[in-house]
Amino acid sequence: MWRRKPAVAGSFYPSDPGKLAADIDIYLNNAGEVGINGELFGLIVPHAGYVYSGPVAAYSYNLLKGMGVRVAVVLAPCHRARFDGASVIPSGQYTTPLGDVTIDEAIGSELVKKTRMKFIREAHDSEHSLEVQVPFL
């Protein structure tokens, strides 16, 4: 099983679990309750270091409160590797300071089987854009 270890914990966001959880709570509380008219299909969330993007990310993620979301599909750019198409992690875990998040193998494998997506390890190893989303989820 592939385990994606944090590449930017300690620089883009705290590597200490207590500090990270506290920071996320502060961002979410400061963003306040937000509502939408209609259905929520997706979110557009920034992917910079939390000192820059945390408050805006929290505003977006607060929209998910009470929705019972069990699976999130995160689309993110790749800054570190050059390749055609898109890369998907078909199975495994994303390790964060807050614990491991299991990748939905059924969905990941289906994306590889039924689309032109493939797993390109270099696209994920040191990439921050998806990693900074996982602790909020």
Protein backbone atom coordinates (compact mmCIF):
# COMPACT_ATOMS: atom_id res chain seq x y z
CA MET A 1 0.00 0.00 0.00
CA TRP A 2 1.33 3.42 -0.96
CA ARG A 3 1.55 5.91 1.88
CA ARG A 4 1.99 9.56 0.91
CA LYS A 5 4.05 11.23 3.63
CA PRO A 6 3.77 14.98 4.30
CA ALA A 7 6.10 17.05 2.13
CA VAL A 8 5.29 20.54 3.43
CA ALA A 9 4.23 19.99 7.06
CA GLY A 10 6.29 22.39 9.14
CA SER A 11 6.52 24.96 6.36
CA PHE A 12 3.08 25.38 4.74
CA TYR A 13 1.23 24.33 7.89
CA PRO A 14 2.23 23.16 11.40
CA SER A 15 3.75 19.70 11.75
CA ASP A 16 2.70 19.53 15.40
CA PRO A 17 -0.75 17.87 15.56
CA GLY A 18 -1.98 20.04 18.45
CA LYS A 19 -0.91 23.28 16.78
CA LEU A 20 -2.35 22.19 13.43
CA ALA A 21 -5.72 21.24 14.94
CA ALA A 22 -5.83 24.51 16.91
CA ASP A 23 -4.99 26.60 13.83
CA ILE A 24 -7.66 24.89 11.74
CA ASP A 25 -10.23 25.40 14.53
CA ILE A 26 -9.33 29.09 14.69
CA TYR A 27 -9.65 29.47 10.91
CA LEU A 28 -13.01 27.66 10.87
CA ASN A 29 -14.39 29.61 13.84
CA ASN A 30 -13.22 32.95 12.44
CA ALA A 31 -14.80 32.16 9.07
CA GLY A 32 -18.14 31.73 10.81
CA GLU A 33 -21.21 29.93 9.59
CA VAL A 34 -21.90 30.42 5.94
CA GLY A 35 -24.78 29.30 3.81
CA ILE A 36 -25.59 28.85 0.18
CA ASN A 37 -28.74 29.06 -1.87
CA GLY A 38 -29.10 25.85 -3.84
CA GLU A 39 -26.95 22.76 -4.05
CA LEU A 40 -23.23 22.63 -3.47
CA PHE A 41 -21.43 20.86 -6.30
CA GLY A 42 -17.84 21.68 -5.41
CA LEU A 43 -15.46 24.08 -3.77
CA ILE A 44 -12.60 26.16 -5.10
CA VAL A 45 -10.02 26.40 -2.33
CA PRO A 46 -6.59 28.08 -2.27
CA HIS A 47 -3.51 25.93 -1.78
CA ALA A 48 -0.84 28.19 -0.32
CA GLY A 49 0.66 28.06 3.14
CA TYR A 50 -1.99 28.34 5.85
CA VAL A 51 -0.77 31.74 6.99
CA TYR A 52 -1.92 33.00 3.56
CA SER A 53 -4.68 30.58 2.56
CA GLY A 54 -6.04 29.18 5.83
CA PRO A 55 -8.76 31.79 6.43
CA VAL A 56 -10.12 31.51 2.88
CA ALA A 57 -9.88 27.71 2.88
CA ALA A 58 -11.84 27.64 6.14
CA TYR A 59 -14.60 29.76 4.64
CA SER A 60 -14.91 27.21 1.83
CA TYR A 61 -14.76 24.15 4.09
CA ASN A 62 -17.36 25.60 6.47
CA LEU A 63 -19.84 25.15 3.63
CA LEU A 64 -19.51 21.37 4.12
CA LYS A 65 -20.66 21.43 7.75
CA GLY A 66 -23.72 19.30 8.30
CA MET A 67 -23.70 17.92 4.75
CA GLY A 68 -22.56 14.42 5.71
CA VAL A 69 -19.83 14.31 3.08
CA ARG A 70 -18.05 10.94 3.26
CA VAL A 71 -15.89 11.11 0.14
CA ALA A 72 -14.09 14.12 -1.30
CA VAL A 73 -12.56 14.22 -4.76
CA VAL A 74 -9.76 16.78 -4.74
CA LEU A 75 -8.47 18.18 -8.03
CA ALA A 76 -5.21 20.06 -7.71
CA PRO A 77 -2.46 21.43 -9.94
CA CYS A 78 1.02 19.94 -10.01
CA HIS A 79 3.93 22.35 -9.48
CA ARG A 80 6.74 19.79 -9.23
CA ALA A 81 6.45 17.38 -12.16
CA ARG A 82 5.73 17.79 -15.84
CA PHE A 83 3.47 15.25 -17.54
CA ASP A 84 0.49 15.01 -19.86
CA GLY A 85 -2.97 14.44 -18.47
CA ALA A 86 -3.83 13.91 -14.84
CA SER A 87 -2.47 11.71 -12.08
CA VAL A 88 -4.61 9.93 -9.51
CA ILE A 89 -3.57 8.00 -6.43
CA PRO A 90 -5.64 4.82 -6.88
CA SER A 91 -5.21 3.48 -3.35
CA GLY A 92 -3.24 3.93 -0.16
CA GLN A 93 -3.14 6.61 2.49
CA TYR A 94 -2.34 10.27 2.84
CA THR A 95 -0.40 10.76 6.08
CA THR A 96 -0.94 14.05 7.93
CA PRO A 97 0.11 15.27 11.37
CA LEU A 98 -3.52 14.65 12.37
CA GLY A 99 -3.46 11.02 11.23
CA ASP A 100 -3.84 8.95 8.10
CA VAL A 101 -6.57 9.49 5.54
CA THR A 102 -7.46 6.44 3.46
CA ILE A 103 -7.87 6.92 -0.26
CA ASP A 104 -11.10 5.41 -1.58
CA GLU A 105 -9.69 2.49 -3.56
CA ALA A 106 -12.94 1.80 -5.42
CA ILE A 107 -13.08 5.33 -6.80
CA GLY A 108 -9.33 5.63 -7.40
CA SER A 109 -9.13 2.33 -9.25
CA GLU A 110 -12.19 3.15 -11.36
CA LEU A 111 -10.64 6.46 -12.39
CA VAL A 112 -7.53 4.63 -13.57
CA LYS A 113 -9.55 1.94 -15.39
CA LYS A 114 -12.16 4.14 -17.03
CA THR A 115 -10.31 7.37 -17.78
CA ARG A 116 -6.95 8.38 -19.16
CA MET A 117 -5.73 9.12 -15.64
CA LYS A 118 -2.79 7.19 -14.28
CA PHE A 119 -0.66 7.17 -11.16
CA ILE A 120 2.48 9.27 -11.60
CA ARG A 121 4.36 9.12 -8.32
CA GLU A 122 6.48 12.22 -9.06
CA ALA A 123 3.28 14.25 -9.36
CA HIS A 124 2.51 13.59 -5.70
CA ASP A 125 5.79 13.07 -3.82
CA SER A 126 6.60 16.70 -3.03
CA GLU A 127 3.45 18.46 -4.26
CA HIS A 128 1.73 20.78 -1.78
CA SER A 129 -1.51 21.71 -3.55
CA LEU A 130 -3.46 18.61 -2.51
CA GLU A 131 -1.56 18.04 0.73
CA VAL A 132 -2.71 21.34 2.28
CA GLN A 133 -6.37 20.36 1.72
CA VAL A 134 -6.26 17.05 3.58
CA PRO A 135 -6.04 18.37 7.18
CA PHE A 136 -9.15 20.51 6.60
CA LEU A 137 -11.05 17.50 5.32
